[in-house]
C-alpha atoms as a PDB file:
ATOM      1  CA  UNK A   1       4.907 -21.642  -2.093  1.00  0.00           C
ATOM      2  CA  UNK A   2       1.914 -22.314   0.139  1.00  0.00           C
ATOM      3  CA  UNK A   3      -0.877 -19.914  -0.798  1.00  0.00           C
ATOM      4  CA  UNK A   4      -3.579 -19.818   1.859  1.00  0.00           C
ATOM      5  CA  UNK A   5      -7.140 -20.078   0.527  1.00  0.00           C
ATOM      6  CA  UNK A   6      -9.651 -18.267   2.742  1.00  0.00           C
ATOM      7  CA  UNK A   7     -13.185 -19.438   3.379  1.00  0.00           C
ATOM      8  CA  UNK A   8     -16.106 -17.064   2.847  1.00  0.00           C
ATOM      9  CA  UNK A   9     -16.288 -16.711   6.636  1.00  0.00           C
ATOM     10  CA  UNK A  10     -12.611 -15.727   6.805  1.00  0.00           C
ATOM     11  CA  UNK A  11     -13.025 -13.232   3.960  1.00  0.00           C
ATOM     12  CA  UNK A  12     -15.917 -11.659   5.846  1.00  0.00           C
ATOM     13  CA  UNK A  13     -13.658 -11.276   8.879  1.00  0.00           C
ATOM     14  CA  UNK A  14     -11.039  -9.663   6.648  1.00  0.00           C
ATOM     15  CA  UNK A  15     -13.710  -7.344   5.241  1.00  0.00           C
ATOM     16  CA  UNK A  16     -14.465  -6.190   8.788  1.00  0.00           C
ATOM     17  CA  UNK A  17     -10.756  -5.567   9.340  1.00  0.00           C
ATOM     18  CA  UNK A  18     -10.531  -3.726   6.028  1.00  0.00           C
ATOM     19  CA  UNK A  19     -13.528  -1.540   6.864  1.00  0.00           C
ATOM     20  CA  UNK A  20     -11.883  -0.524  10.128  1.00  0.00           C
ATOM     21  CA  UNK A  21      -8.660   0.293   8.317  1.00  0.00           C
ATOM     22  CA  UNK A  22     -10.562   2.508   5.874  1.00  0.00           C
ATOM     23  CA  UNK A  23     -11.996   4.375   8.883  1.00  0.00           C
ATOM     24  CA  UNK A  24      -8.440   4.966  10.115  1.00  0.00           C
ATOM     25  CA  UNK A  25      -7.399   6.369   6.730  1.00  0.00           C
ATOM     26  CA  UNK A  26     -10.554   8.498   6.612  1.00  0.00           C
ATOM     27  CA  UNK A  27      -9.772   9.920  10.063  1.00  0.00           C
ATOM     28  CA  UNK A  28      -6.268  10.917   8.967  1.00  0.00           C
ATOM     29  CA  UNK A  29      -7.080  12.350   5.532  1.00  0.00           C
ATOM     30  CA  UNK A  30      -8.471  15.792   6.540  1.00  0.00           C
ATOM     31  CA  UNK A  31      -5.315  16.480   8.540  1.00  0.00           C
ATOM     32  CA  UNK A  32      -2.842  15.852   5.710  1.00  0.00           C
ATOM     33  CA  UNK A  33      -2.138  19.547   5.125  1.00  0.00           C
ATOM     34  CA  UNK A  34       0.824  21.926   5.186  1.00  0.00           C
ATOM     35  CA  UNK A  35       2.183  22.598   8.680  1.00  0.00           C
ATOM     36  CA  UNK A  36       1.270  19.209  10.143  1.00  0.00           C
ATOM     37  CA  UNK A  37       3.989  16.818  11.301  1.00  0.00           C
ATOM     38  CA  UNK A  38       3.989  13.155  10.388  1.00  0.00           C
ATOM     39  CA  UNK A  39       3.892  12.405  14.140  1.00  0.00           C
ATOM     40  CA  UNK A  40       0.651  14.388  14.400  1.00  0.00           C
ATOM     41  CA  UNK A  41      -0.845  11.960  11.880  1.00  0.00           C
ATOM     42  CA  UNK A  42       0.540   8.972  13.778  1.00  0.00           C
ATOM     43  CA  UNK A  43      -1.221  10.163  16.926  1.00  0.00           C
ATOM     44  CA  UNK A  44      -4.537  10.477  15.060  1.00  0.00           C
ATOM     45  CA  UNK A  45      -4.133   6.945  13.738  1.00  0.00           C
ATOM     46  CA  UNK A  46      -3.272   5.486  17.140  1.00  0.00           C
ATOM     47  CA  UNK A  47      -6.365   7.076  18.707  1.00  0.00           C
ATOM     48  CA  UNK A  48      -8.653   5.857  15.932  1.00  0.00           C
ATOM     49  CA  UNK A  49      -7.272   2.316  15.979  1.00  0.00           C
ATOM     50  CA  UNK A  50      -7.891   2.150  19.735  1.00  0.00           C
ATOM     51  CA  UNK A  51     -11.400   3.593  19.338  1.00  0.00           C
ATOM     52  CA  UNK A  52     -12.219   0.837  16.826  1.00  0.00           C
ATOM     53  CA  UNK A  53     -10.938  -1.906  19.123  1.00  0.00           C
ATOM     54  CA  UNK A  54      -8.311  -2.877  16.545  1.00  0.00           C
ATOM     55  CA  UNK A  55      -4.587  -3.564  16.850  1.00  0.00           C
ATOM     56  CA  UNK A  56      -1.968  -1.605  14.914  1.00  0.00           C
ATOM     57  CA  UNK A  57      -0.461  -4.231  12.627  1.00  0.00           C
ATOM     58  CA  UNK A  58       2.821  -2.440  11.939  1.00  0.00           C
ATOM     59  CA  UNK A  59       3.773  -1.396  15.471  1.00  0.00           C
ATOM     60  CA  UNK A  60       6.315  -3.888  16.798  1.00  0.00           C
ATOM     61  CA  UNK A  61       6.479  -5.812  13.508  1.00  0.00           C
ATOM     62  CA  UNK A  62      10.161  -6.805  13.280  1.00  0.00           C
ATOM     63  CA  UNK A  63      10.753  -3.945  15.717  1.00  0.00           C
ATOM     64  CA  UNK A  64       9.030  -1.222  13.670  1.00  0.00           C
ATOM     65  CA  UNK A  65       8.134   1.583  16.132  1.00  0.00           C
ATOM     66  CA  UNK A  66       4.909   3.078  14.728  1.00  0.00           C
ATOM     67  CA  UNK A  67       1.348   2.388  13.608  1.00  0.00           C
ATOM     68  CA  UNK A  68       1.890   4.257  10.331  1.00  0.00           C
ATOM     69  CA  UNK A  69       4.512   4.375   7.643  1.00  0.00           C
ATOM     70  CA  UNK A  70       4.740   8.022   6.556  1.00  0.00           C
ATOM     71  CA  UNK A  71       6.942   8.396   3.471  1.00  0.00           C
ATOM     72  CA  UNK A  72       7.546  11.922   2.182  1.00  0.00           C
ATOM     73  CA  UNK A  73       8.611  12.878  -1.367  1.00  0.00           C
ATOM     74  CA  UNK A  74      11.604  10.687  -2.357  1.00  0.00           C
ATOM     75  CA  UNK A  75      10.834   8.232   0.449  1.00  0.00           C
ATOM     76  CA  UNK A  76       9.322   5.153  -1.192  1.00  0.00           C
ATOM     77  CA  UNK A  77       8.123   3.145   1.782  1.00  0.00           C
ATOM     78  CA  UNK A  78       8.644   2.574   5.539  1.00  0.00           C
ATOM     79  CA  UNK A  79       9.253   6.221   6.441  1.00  0.00           C
ATOM     80  CA  UNK A  80       8.807   6.647  10.193  1.00  0.00           C
ATOM     81  CA  UNK A  81       6.602   9.323  11.793  1.00  0.00           C
ATOM     82  CA  UNK A  82       8.656  12.163  13.265  1.00  0.00           C
ATOM     83  CA  UNK A  83       7.557  15.286  15.132  1.00  0.00           C
ATOM     84  CA  UNK A  84      10.238  17.251  13.284  1.00  0.00           C
ATOM     85  CA  UNK A  85       9.048  16.211   9.808  1.00  0.00           C
ATOM     86  CA  UNK A  86       6.657  19.017   8.925  1.00  0.00           C
ATOM     87  CA  UNK A  87       4.678  18.768   5.698  1.00  0.00           C
ATOM     88  CA  UNK A  88       4.928  21.719   3.336  1.00  0.00           C
ATOM     89  CA  UNK A  89       3.208  22.895   0.177  1.00  0.00           C
ATOM     90  CA  UNK A  90       4.288  20.845  -2.824  1.00  0.00           C
ATOM     91  CA  UNK A  91       5.252  17.735  -0.855  1.00  0.00           C
ATOM     92  CA  UNK A  92       3.638  14.357  -1.276  1.00  0.00           C
ATOM     93  CA  UNK A  93       3.016  11.942   1.585  1.00  0.00           C
ATOM     94  CA  UNK A  94       2.406   8.201   1.391  1.00  0.00           C
ATOM     95  CA  UNK A  95       0.510   6.840   4.378  1.00  0.00           C
ATOM     96  CA  UNK A  96       0.619   3.072   4.766  1.00  0.00           C
ATOM     97  CA  UNK A  97      -1.288   1.421   7.612  1.00  0.00           C
ATOM     98  CA  UNK A  98      -2.466  -1.999   8.677  1.00  0.00           C
ATOM     99  CA  UNK A  99      -4.778  -3.224  11.418  1.00  0.00           C
ATOM    100  CA  UNK A 100      -5.716  -6.537  12.991  1.00  0.00           C
ATOM    101  CA  UNK A 101      -9.256  -7.401  14.075  1.00  0.00           C
ATOM    102  CA  UNK A 102     -10.183 -10.839  15.390  1.00  0.00           C
ATOM    103  CA  UNK A 103      -6.855 -12.222  14.189  1.00  0.00           C
ATOM    104  CA  UNK A 104      -7.144 -10.999  10.586  1.00  0.00           C
ATOM    105  CA  UNK A 105      -4.958  -8.376   8.940  1.00  0.00           C
ATOM    106  CA  UNK A 106      -5.770  -5.647   6.433  1.00  0.00           C
ATOM    107  CA  UNK A 107      -3.289  -3.344   4.701  1.00  0.00           C
ATOM    108  CA  UNK A 108      -3.788  -0.195   2.596  1.00  0.00           C
ATOM    109  CA  UNK A 109      -1.827   2.863   1.465  1.00  0.00           C
ATOM    110  CA  UNK A 110      -2.650   6.248  -0.064  1.00  0.00           C
ATOM    111  CA  UNK A 111      -0.361   9.001  -1.368  1.00  0.00           C
ATOM    112  CA  UNK A 112      -1.588  12.556  -0.780  1.00  0.00           C
ATOM    113  CA  UNK A 113      -0.553  15.817  -2.415  1.00  0.00           C
ATOM    114  CA  UNK A 114       0.221  18.468   0.182  1.00  0.00           C
ATOM    115  CA  UNK A 115      -1.483  21.621  -1.041  1.00  0.00           C
ATOM    116  CA  UNK A 116      -0.680  22.432  -4.659  1.00  0.00           C
ATOM    117  CA  UNK A 117       1.774  20.125  -6.409  1.00  0.00           C
ATOM    118  CA  UNK A 118       3.359  20.320  -9.843  1.00  0.00           C
ATOM    119  CA  UNK A 119       1.556  18.829 -12.853  1.00  0.00           C
ATOM    120  CA  UNK A 120       4.312  16.206 -13.075  1.00  0.00           C
ATOM    121  CA  UNK A 121       3.718  15.179  -9.478  1.00  0.00           C
ATOM    122  CA  UNK A 122      -0.044  15.054  -9.971  1.00  0.00           C
ATOM    123  CA  UNK A 123       0.505  12.771 -12.964  1.00  0.00           C
ATOM    124  CA  UNK A 124       2.665  10.453 -10.842  1.00  0.00           C
ATOM    125  CA  UNK A 125      -0.113  10.150  -8.268  1.00  0.00           C
ATOM    126  CA  UNK A 126      -2.846   9.682 -10.857  1.00  0.00           C
ATOM    127  CA  UNK A 127      -0.959   7.029 -12.831  1.00  0.00           C
ATOM    128  CA  UNK A 128       0.080   5.085  -9.730  1.00  0.00           C
ATOM    129  CA  UNK A 129      -3.493   5.081  -8.428  1.00  0.00           C
ATOM    130  CA  UNK A 130      -4.795   4.037 -11.865  1.00  0.00           C
ATOM    131  CA  UNK A 131      -2.262   1.203 -12.024  1.00  0.00           C
ATOM    132  CA  UNK A 132      -3.658  -0.208  -8.779  1.00  0.00           C
ATOM    133  CA  UNK A 133      -7.165  -0.170 -10.250  1.00  0.00           C
ATOM    134  CA  UNK A 134      -5.892  -1.908 -13.402  1.00  0.00           C
ATOM    135  CA  UNK A 135      -4.247  -4.568 -11.254  1.00  0.00           C
ATOM    136  CA  UNK A 136      -7.421  -5.120  -9.245  1.00  0.00           C
ATOM    137  CA  UNK A 137      -9.344  -5.667 -12.497  1.00  0.00           C
ATOM    138  CA  UNK A 138      -7.042  -8.628 -13.208  1.00  0.00           C
ATOM    139  CA  UNK A 139      -7.959 -10.395  -9.951  1.00  0.00           C
ATOM    140  CA  UNK A 140     -10.165 -12.965 -11.633  1.00  0.00           C
ATOM    141  CA  UNK A 141     -10.481 -16.671 -10.963  1.00  0.00           C
ATOM    142  CA  UNK A 142      -8.465 -18.547 -13.581  1.00  0.00           C
ATOM    143  CA  UNK A 143      -6.092 -15.691 -14.320  1.00  0.00           C
ATOM    144  CA  UNK A 144      -2.421 -15.611 -13.435  1.00  0.00           C
ATOM    145  CA  UNK A 145      -0.523 -13.578 -10.877  1.00  0.00           C
ATOM    146  CA  UNK A 146       1.589 -12.208 -13.727  1.00  0.00           C
ATOM    147  CA  UNK A 147      -1.550 -10.573 -15.154  1.00  0.00           C
ATOM    148  CA  UNK A 148      -1.853  -8.491 -11.962  1.00  0.00           C
ATOM    149  CA  UNK A 149       1.830  -7.549 -11.959  1.00  0.00           C
ATOM    150  CA  UNK A 150       1.972  -6.707 -15.654  1.00  0.00           C
ATOM    151  CA  UNK A 151      -1.054  -4.417 -15.368  1.00  0.00           C
ATOM    152  CA  UNK A 152       0.946  -2.134 -13.073  1.00  0.00           C
ATOM    153  CA  UNK A 153       4.181  -2.301 -15.023  1.00  0.00           C
ATOM    154  CA  UNK A 154       2.639  -1.765 -18.444  1.00  0.00           C
ATOM    155  CA  UNK A 155       0.770   1.398 -17.473  1.00  0.00           C
ATOM    156  CA  UNK A 156       3.480   2.999 -15.347  1.00  0.00           C
ATOM    157  CA  UNK A 157       6.392   2.337 -17.660  1.00  0.00           C
ATOM    158  CA  UNK A 158       4.360   3.526 -20.657  1.00  0.00           C
ATOM    159  CA  UNK A 159       4.052   6.869 -18.831  1.00  0.00           C
ATOM    160  CA  UNK A 160       7.812   7.016 -18.232  1.00  0.00           C
ATOM    161  CA  UNK A 161       7.830   6.105 -14.545  1.00  0.00           C
ATOM    162  CA  UNK A 162      10.130   3.714 -12.690  1.00  0.00           C
ATOM    163  CA  UNK A 163       8.624   0.570 -11.141  1.00  0.00           C
ATOM    164  CA  UNK A 164      10.309  -0.372  -7.860  1.00  0.00           C
ATOM    165  CA  UNK A 165      11.666  -3.930  -7.805  1.00  0.00           C
ATOM    166  CA  UNK A 166      12.957  -4.285  -4.240  1.00  0.00           C
ATOM    167  CA  UNK A 167       9.554  -4.002  -2.545  1.00  0.00           C
ATOM    168  CA  UNK A 168       6.431  -5.893  -3.624  1.00  0.00           C
ATOM    169  CA  UNK A 169       2.915  -6.723  -2.539  1.00  0.00           C
ATOM    170  CA  UNK A 170       1.981  -9.937  -0.783  1.00  0.00           C
ATOM    171  CA  UNK A 171      -0.649 -12.370   0.303  1.00  0.00           C
ATOM    172  CA  UNK A 172      -2.353 -11.458   3.562  1.00  0.00           C
ATOM    173  CA  UNK A 173      -4.692 -13.051   6.093  1.00  0.00           C
ATOM    174  CA  UNK A 174      -3.851 -14.326   9.552  1.00  0.00           C
ATOM    175  CA  UNK A 175      -0.346 -12.988   8.931  1.00  0.00           C
ATOM    176  CA  UNK A 176       0.752  -9.643   7.503  1.00  0.00           C
ATOM    177  CA  UNK A 177       2.873 -11.268   4.823  1.00  0.00           C
ATOM    178  CA  UNK A 178       1.801 -14.556   3.268  1.00  0.00           C
ATOM    179  CA  UNK A 179       2.525 -16.207  -0.057  1.00  0.00           C
ATOM    180  CA  UNK A 180       2.498 -15.247  -2.832  1.00  0.00           C
ATOM    181  CA  UNK A 181       4.668 -12.211  -3.361  1.00  0.00           C
ATOM    182  CA  UNK A 182       2.885  -9.750  -5.681  1.00  0.00           C
ATOM    183  CA  UNK A 183       5.464  -7.841  -7.749  1.00  0.00           C
ATOM    184  CA  UNK A 184       4.533  -4.680  -9.632  1.00  0.00           C
ATOM    185  CA  UNK A 185       6.315  -6.071 -12.691  1.00  0.00           C
ATOM    186  CA  UNK A 186       5.804  -9.314 -14.550  1.00  0.00           C
ATOM    187  CA  UNK A 187       4.610 -11.185 -17.593  1.00  0.00           C
ATOM    188  CA  UNK A 188       0.977 -11.859 -18.432  1.00  0.00           C
ATOM    189  CA  UNK A 189       0.047 -15.524 -18.380  1.00  0.00           C
ATOM    190  CA  UNK A 190       2.846 -16.422 -15.959  1.00  0.00           C
ATOM    191  CA  UNK A 191       2.866 -17.189 -12.251  1.00  0.00           C
ATOM    192  CA  UNK A 192       0.437 -19.003  -9.960  1.00  0.00           C
ATOM    193  CA  UNK A 193      -3.145 -19.462 -11.083  1.00  0.00           C
ATOM    194  CA  UNK A 194      -5.578 -17.128  -9.287  1.00  0.00           C
ATOM    195  CA  UNK A 195      -8.175 -18.985  -7.241  1.00  0.00           C
ATOM    196  CA  UNK A 196     -11.268 -17.998  -5.284  1.00  0.00           C
ATOM    197  CA  UNK A 197     -10.270 -17.409  -1.674  1.00  0.00           C
ATOM    198  CA  UNK A 198      -6.881 -15.875  -2.353  1.00  0.00           C
ATOM    199  CA  UNK A 199      -6.394 -12.480  -0.697  1.00  0.00           C
ATOM    200  CA  UNK A 200      -3.688 -10.137  -1.971  1.00  0.00           C
ATOM    201  CA  UNK A 201      -2.250  -6.843  -0.771  1.00  0.00           C
ATOM    202  CA  UNK A 202      -1.540  -5.151  -4.105  1.00  0.00           C
ATOM    203  CA  UNK A 203       0.672  -2.090  -3.726  1.00  0.00           C
ATOM    204  CA  UNK A 204       2.261  -0.255  -6.662  1.00  0.00           C
ATOM    205  CA  UNK A 205       5.351   1.716  -5.585  1.00  0.00           C
ATOM    206  CA  UNK A 206       6.217   3.950  -8.514  1.00  0.00           C
ATOM    207  CA  UNK A 207       9.009   6.502  -8.935  1.00  0.00           C
ATOM    208  CA  UNK A 208       8.936   9.661 -11.024  1.00  0.00           C
ATOM    209  CA  UNK A 209      12.491   8.820 -12.109  1.00  0.00           C
ATOM    210  CA  UNK A 210      14.397   5.538 -12.207  1.00  0.00           C
ATOM    211  CA  UNK A 211      13.301   2.396 -10.355  1.00  0.00           C
ATOM    212  CA  UNK A 212      16.383   2.128  -8.150  1.00  0.00           C
ATOM    213  CA  UNK A 213      16.027   2.556  -4.381  1.00  0.00           C
ATOM    214  CA  UNK A 214      18.116   2.101  -1.246  1.00  0.00           C
ATOM    215  CA  UNK A 215      17.443   1.905   2.486  1.00  0.00           C
ATOM    216  CA  UNK A 216      18.738   4.637   4.805  1.00  0.00           C
ATOM    217  CA  UNK A 217      20.884   4.047   7.892  1.00  0.00           C
ATOM    218  CA  UNK A 218      17.766   3.871  10.085  1.00  0.00           C
ATOM    219  CA  UNK A 219      17.260   0.402   8.602  1.00  0.00           C
ATOM    220  CA  UNK A 220      13.701   1.154   7.496  1.00  0.00           C
ATOM    221  CA  UNK A 221      13.240   4.152   5.221  1.00  0.00           C
ATOM    222  CA  UNK A 222      13.628   3.322   1.518  1.00  0.00           C
ATOM    223  CA  UNK A 223      14.360   6.251  -0.806  1.00  0.00           C
ATOM    224  CA  UNK A 224      14.828   6.695  -4.537  1.00  0.00           C
ATOM    225  CA  UNK A 225      18.448   6.662  -5.714  1.00  0.00           C
ATOM    226  CA  UNK A 226      17.893   9.732  -7.897  1.00  0.00           C
ATOM    227  CA  UNK A 227      15.881  11.681  -5.267  1.00  0.00           C
ATOM    228  CA  UNK A 228      12.803  11.665  -7.512  1.00  0.00           C
ATOM    229  CA  UNK A 229       9.367  11.580  -5.870  1.00  0.00           C
ATOM    230  CA  UNK A 230       7.710   8.203  -5.268  1.00  0.00           C
ATOM    231  CA  UNK A 231       4.013   7.295  -4.958  1.00  0.00           C
ATOM    232  CA  UNK A 232       2.441   4.303  -3.198  1.00  0.00           C
ATOM    233  CA  UNK A 233      -1.161   3.086  -3.313  1.00  0.00           C
ATOM    234  CA  UNK A 234      -2.436  -0.193  -1.852  1.00  0.00           C
ATOM    235  CA  UNK A 235      -5.602  -2.187  -1.304  1.00  0.00           C
ATOM    236  CA  UNK A 236      -6.327  -5.578   0.239  1.00  0.00           C
ATOM    237  CA  UNK A 237      -8.245  -7.557  -2.397  1.00  0.00           C
ATOM    238  CA  UNK A 238     -10.066 -10.894  -2.165  1.00  0.00           C
ATOM    239  CA  UNK A 239     -10.470 -13.003  -5.290  1.00  0.00           C
ATOM    240  CA  UNK A 240     -13.990 -14.436  -5.483  1.00  0.00           C
ATOM    241  CA  UNK A 241     -16.010 -16.332  -8.052  1.00  0.00           C
ATOM    242  CA  UNK A 242     -17.923 -13.076  -8.654  1.00  0.00           C
ATOM    243  CA  UNK A 243     -14.775 -11.023  -9.271  1.00  0.00           C
ATOM    244  CA  UNK A 244     -12.428  -8.960  -7.116  1.00  0.00           C
ATOM    245  CA  UNK A 245     -13.658  -7.755  -3.722  1.00  0.00           C
ATOM    246  CA  UNK A 246     -11.707  -4.750  -2.448  1.00  0.00           C
ATOM    247  CA  UNK A 247     -11.748  -5.198   1.318  1.00  0.00           C
ATOM    248  CA  UNK A 248     -10.179  -1.815   2.130  1.00  0.00           C
ATOM    249  CA  UNK A 249     -12.284   0.363  -0.214  1.00  0.00           C
END
């Protein structure tokens, strides 16, 4: 495992990339409402990315066709925008996006409720989001990667949710996916030591039911085996001597 340590200058470049990505998410957010198609949101993202002078990190990555991943309800990750997929009251939508600026990647995801959702669904979103914050708190020099992973697992499983195993977070920098992998499950005190200059894309993917998932025939869209809803939140986080720096906040 070769974990890339970024200089302060490189982290600043990644912060610029992360700020642009947050502007993309902010441009999309007001339009995540009933009656909108996931392709409508893709078109907003594409326009904003171009306006910012950025590059869509996902489009063309291993042949992926879009700037966004738009995963609805039981779709865990890598759902593809589709003009026929219309959002309706009670749905949830995970929007995952990445951009490249000046050769540096950023990656972030948010799951939105569409209109009014059930209390159980709201709890899934709240707990998944909280688990990301708990994980970020563990991004301290001298800690272990397992501390980050266990923070997600401990909270989500205590609330009765399933933690996805097949998809994990990752290091990020000049490439979308770098070492180390960042699972959402693990043991405190285990794994690589956290060092200043590491940058991680931490992304809890949490199911309302069991943790099992499978990929559909399109080769991309992962869904829960039991058709339960799934939530996904992600930030790109730099580890510094002064504590975690969330580059996509």
